[in-house]
Amino acid sequence: SNIESVRKQFNDAAPFRYIRLNDFLHSEFIDKLQQSLNDDITFQQKDCDLYRFLQSYELQQSEPQLTAIHDLIETLYSNQFRDVLHQITGIKVNQRPNLFASCYTDT
């Protein structure tokens, strides 16, 4: 099955385990999401020892009319998606993980 092949890729990945979900989001949806992030979300600068980046507030707190963001949240938080991640990784995902948008640029 597809889950079996992704699980094998996850377990065989090096130097650390990761999942790559090809074609997970449709390009039209990505365009809407990017537009909403650019137009509707406020970012704050964050500083770390090695780099600087911009980060949004928790996206769960965004306005309901930001439909692309809310559609993403509903998908990522759905029982079905979290169950698939658990089947692939063996890791239980929280019902409400934190979700932020970040922007990294060359410094």
C-alpha atoms as a PDB file:
ATOM      1  CA  SER A   1       0.000   0.000   0.000  1.00  0.00           C
ATOM      2  CA  ASN A   2       0.988   3.647  -0.273  1.00  0.00           C
ATOM      3  CA  ILE A   3       1.206   3.974   3.523  1.00  0.00           C
ATOM      4  CA  GLU A   4       3.585   1.002   3.626  1.00  0.00           C
ATOM      5  CA  SER A   5       5.897   2.581   1.030  1.00  0.00           C
ATOM      6  CA  VAL A   6       5.891   5.953   2.809  1.00  0.00           C
ATOM      7  CA  ARG A   7       6.568   4.194   6.144  1.00  0.00           C
ATOM      8  CA  LYS A   8       9.558   2.424   4.572  1.00  0.00           C
ATOM      9  CA  GLN A   9      10.852   5.762   3.181  1.00  0.00           C
ATOM     10  CA  PHE A  10      10.390   7.326   6.635  1.00  0.00           C
ATOM     11  CA  ASN A  11      12.261   4.545   8.416  1.00  0.00           C
ATOM     12  CA  ASP A  12      15.066   4.392   5.811  1.00  0.00           C
ATOM     13  CA  ALA A  13      15.609   8.168   5.589  1.00  0.00           C
ATOM     14  CA  ALA A  14      19.006   9.527   6.621  1.00  0.00           C
ATOM     15  CA  PRO A  15      20.575  11.350   8.389  1.00  0.00           C
ATOM     16  CA  PHE A  16      17.213  11.659  10.178  1.00  0.00           C
ATOM     17  CA  ARG A  17      13.707  10.325   9.550  1.00  0.00           C
ATOM     18  CA  TYR A  18      11.267  12.553   7.673  1.00  0.00           C
ATOM     19  CA  ILE A  19       8.171  12.353   5.492  1.00  0.00           C
ATOM     20  CA  ARG A  20       7.822  13.914   2.080  1.00  0.00           C
ATOM     21  CA  LEU A  21       4.214  14.102   0.899  1.00  0.00           C
ATOM     22  CA  ASN A  22       4.239  14.790  -2.836  1.00  0.00           C
ATOM     23  CA  ASP A  23       1.191  16.590  -4.224  1.00  0.00           C
ATOM     24  CA  PHE A  24      -0.314  16.866  -0.745  1.00  0.00           C
ATOM     25  CA  LEU A  25      -1.833  20.275  -1.527  1.00  0.00           C
ATOM     26  CA  HIS A  26      -3.176  21.375  -4.903  1.00  0.00           C
ATOM     27  CA  SER A  27      -1.353  24.312  -6.496  1.00  0.00           C
ATOM     28  CA  GLU A  28      -4.545  26.426  -6.548  1.00  0.00           C
ATOM     29  CA  PHE A  29      -4.920  25.955  -2.800  1.00  0.00           C
ATOM     30  CA  ILE A  30      -1.246  26.791  -2.222  1.00  0.00           C
ATOM     31  CA  ASP A  31      -1.727  30.033  -4.181  1.00  0.00           C
ATOM     32  CA  LYS A  32      -4.735  30.986  -2.007  1.00  0.00           C
ATOM     33  CA  LEU A  33      -2.878  30.073   1.165  1.00  0.00           C
ATOM     34  CA  GLN A  34       0.196  32.072   0.169  1.00  0.00           C
ATOM     35  CA  GLN A  35      -1.955  35.076  -0.734  1.00  0.00           C
ATOM     36  CA  SER A  36      -3.709  34.915   2.645  1.00  0.00           C
ATOM     37  CA  LEU A  37      -0.405  34.593   4.510  1.00  0.00           C
ATOM     38  CA  ASN A  38       1.017  37.578   2.615  1.00  0.00           C
ATOM     39  CA  ASP A  39      -2.073  39.789   2.951  1.00  0.00           C
ATOM     40  CA  ASP A  40      -3.745  38.805   6.194  1.00  0.00           C
ATOM     41  CA  ILE A  41      -1.154  37.546   8.663  1.00  0.00           C
ATOM     42  CA  THR A  42       1.150  39.668  10.795  1.00  0.00           C
ATOM     43  CA  PHE A  43       4.693  38.432  11.264  1.00  0.00           C
ATOM     44  CA  GLN A  44       7.103  39.320  14.061  1.00  0.00           C
ATOM     45  CA  GLN A  45      10.866  39.106  13.884  1.00  0.00           C
ATOM     46  CA  LYS A  46      12.458  36.322  15.931  1.00  0.00           C
ATOM     47  CA  ASP A  47      16.169  36.133  16.712  1.00  0.00           C
ATOM     48  CA  CYS A  48      18.178  33.017  17.448  1.00  0.00           C
ATOM     49  CA  ASP A  49      21.899  32.620  17.933  1.00  0.00           C
ATOM     50  CA  LEU A  50      22.481  31.555  14.340  1.00  0.00           C
ATOM     51  CA  TYR A  51      19.702  33.158  12.325  1.00  0.00           C
ATOM     52  CA  ARG A  52      16.827  35.613  12.220  1.00  0.00           C
ATOM     53  CA  PHE A  53      13.362  34.924  10.813  1.00  0.00           C
ATOM     54  CA  LEU A  54       9.774  36.158  10.757  1.00  0.00           C
ATOM     55  CA  GLN A  55       7.046  34.188  12.501  1.00  0.00           C
ATOM     56  CA  SER A  56       3.280  34.556  12.620  1.00  0.00           C
ATOM     57  CA  TYR A  57       1.067  34.300  15.653  1.00  0.00           C
ATOM     58  CA  GLU A  58      -0.567  30.887  16.150  1.00  0.00           C
ATOM     59  CA  LEU A  59      -2.621  30.354  13.012  1.00  0.00           C
ATOM     60  CA  GLN A  60      -5.407  28.706  15.007  1.00  0.00           C
ATOM     61  CA  GLN A  61      -6.169  32.236  16.261  1.00  0.00           C
ATOM     62  CA  SER A  62      -6.676  33.634  12.756  1.00  0.00           C
ATOM     63  CA  GLU A  63     -10.017  35.043  11.684  1.00  0.00           C
ATOM     64  CA  PRO A  64     -12.549  32.468  10.391  1.00  0.00           C
ATOM     65  CA  GLN A  65     -12.988  34.370   7.120  1.00  0.00           C
ATOM     66  CA  LEU A  66      -9.394  33.435   6.193  1.00  0.00           C
ATOM     67  CA  THR A  67     -10.739  30.310   4.535  1.00  0.00           C
ATOM     68  CA  ALA A  68      -7.485  28.958   3.067  1.00  0.00           C
ATOM     69  CA  ILE A  69      -5.806  29.057   6.476  1.00  0.00           C
ATOM     70  CA  HIS A  70      -8.816  27.500   8.181  1.00  0.00           C
ATOM     71  CA  ASP A  71      -9.059  24.791   5.516  1.00  0.00           C
ATOM     72  CA  LEU A  72      -5.391  23.954   6.141  1.00  0.00           C
ATOM     73  CA  ILE A  73      -5.955  23.831   9.904  1.00  0.00           C
ATOM     74  CA  GLU A  74      -8.997  21.567   9.503  1.00  0.00           C
ATOM     75  CA  THR A  75      -7.011  19.213   7.261  1.00  0.00           C
ATOM     76  CA  LEU A  76      -3.920  19.047   9.482  1.00  0.00           C
ATOM     77  CA  TYR A  77      -5.963  18.617  12.670  1.00  0.00           C
ATOM     78  CA  SER A  78      -8.383  16.044  11.242  1.00  0.00           C
ATOM     79  CA  ASN A  79      -8.486  12.602  12.821  1.00  0.00           C
ATOM     80  CA  GLN A  80      -7.931  11.059   9.394  1.00  0.00           C
ATOM     81  CA  PHE A  81      -4.681  12.980   8.737  1.00  0.00           C
ATOM     82  CA  ARG A  82      -3.344  12.442  12.252  1.00  0.00           C
ATOM     83  CA  ASP A  83      -4.144   8.717  11.993  1.00  0.00           C
ATOM     84  CA  VAL A  84      -2.237   8.450   8.703  1.00  0.00           C
ATOM     85  CA  LEU A  85       0.779  10.192  10.271  1.00  0.00           C
ATOM     86  CA  HIS A  86       0.620   7.761  13.179  1.00  0.00           C
ATOM     87  CA  GLN A  87       0.433   4.774  10.818  1.00  0.00           C
ATOM     88  CA  ILE A  88       3.494   6.030   8.934  1.00  0.00           C
ATOM     89  CA  THR A  89       5.670   7.179  11.825  1.00  0.00           C
ATOM     90  CA  GLY A  90       4.375   5.339  14.872  1.00  0.00           C
ATOM     91  CA  ILE A  91       4.190   8.758  16.578  1.00  0.00           C
ATOM     92  CA  LYS A  92       0.881   9.972  18.009  1.00  0.00           C
ATOM     93  CA  VAL A  93       0.168  13.541  16.949  1.00  0.00           C
ATOM     94  CA  ASN A  94      -1.561  15.881  19.424  1.00  0.00           C
ATOM     95  CA  GLN A  95      -5.147  16.839  18.646  1.00  0.00           C
ATOM     96  CA  ARG A  96      -4.128  20.504  18.535  1.00  0.00           C
ATOM     97  CA  PRO A  97      -0.462  20.909  17.607  1.00  0.00           C
ATOM     98  CA  ASN A  98       0.861  24.452  17.358  1.00  0.00           C
ATOM     99  CA  LEU A  99       0.770  25.887  13.858  1.00  0.00           C
ATOM    100  CA  PHE A 100       2.763  28.943  12.797  1.00  0.00           C
ATOM    101  CA  ALA A 101       3.935  30.394   9.509  1.00  0.00           C
ATOM    102  CA  SER A 102       7.616  31.340   9.255  1.00  0.00           C
ATOM    103  CA  CYS A 103       9.624  33.259   6.686  1.00  0.00           C
ATOM    104  CA  TYR A 104      13.364  32.752   6.392  1.00  0.00           C
ATOM    105  CA  THR A 105      15.543  34.974   4.223  1.00  0.00           C
ATOM    106  CA  ASP A 106      19.253  35.357   3.628  1.00  0.00           C
ATOM    107  CA  THR A 107      20.904  37.588   6.241  1.00  0.00           C
END
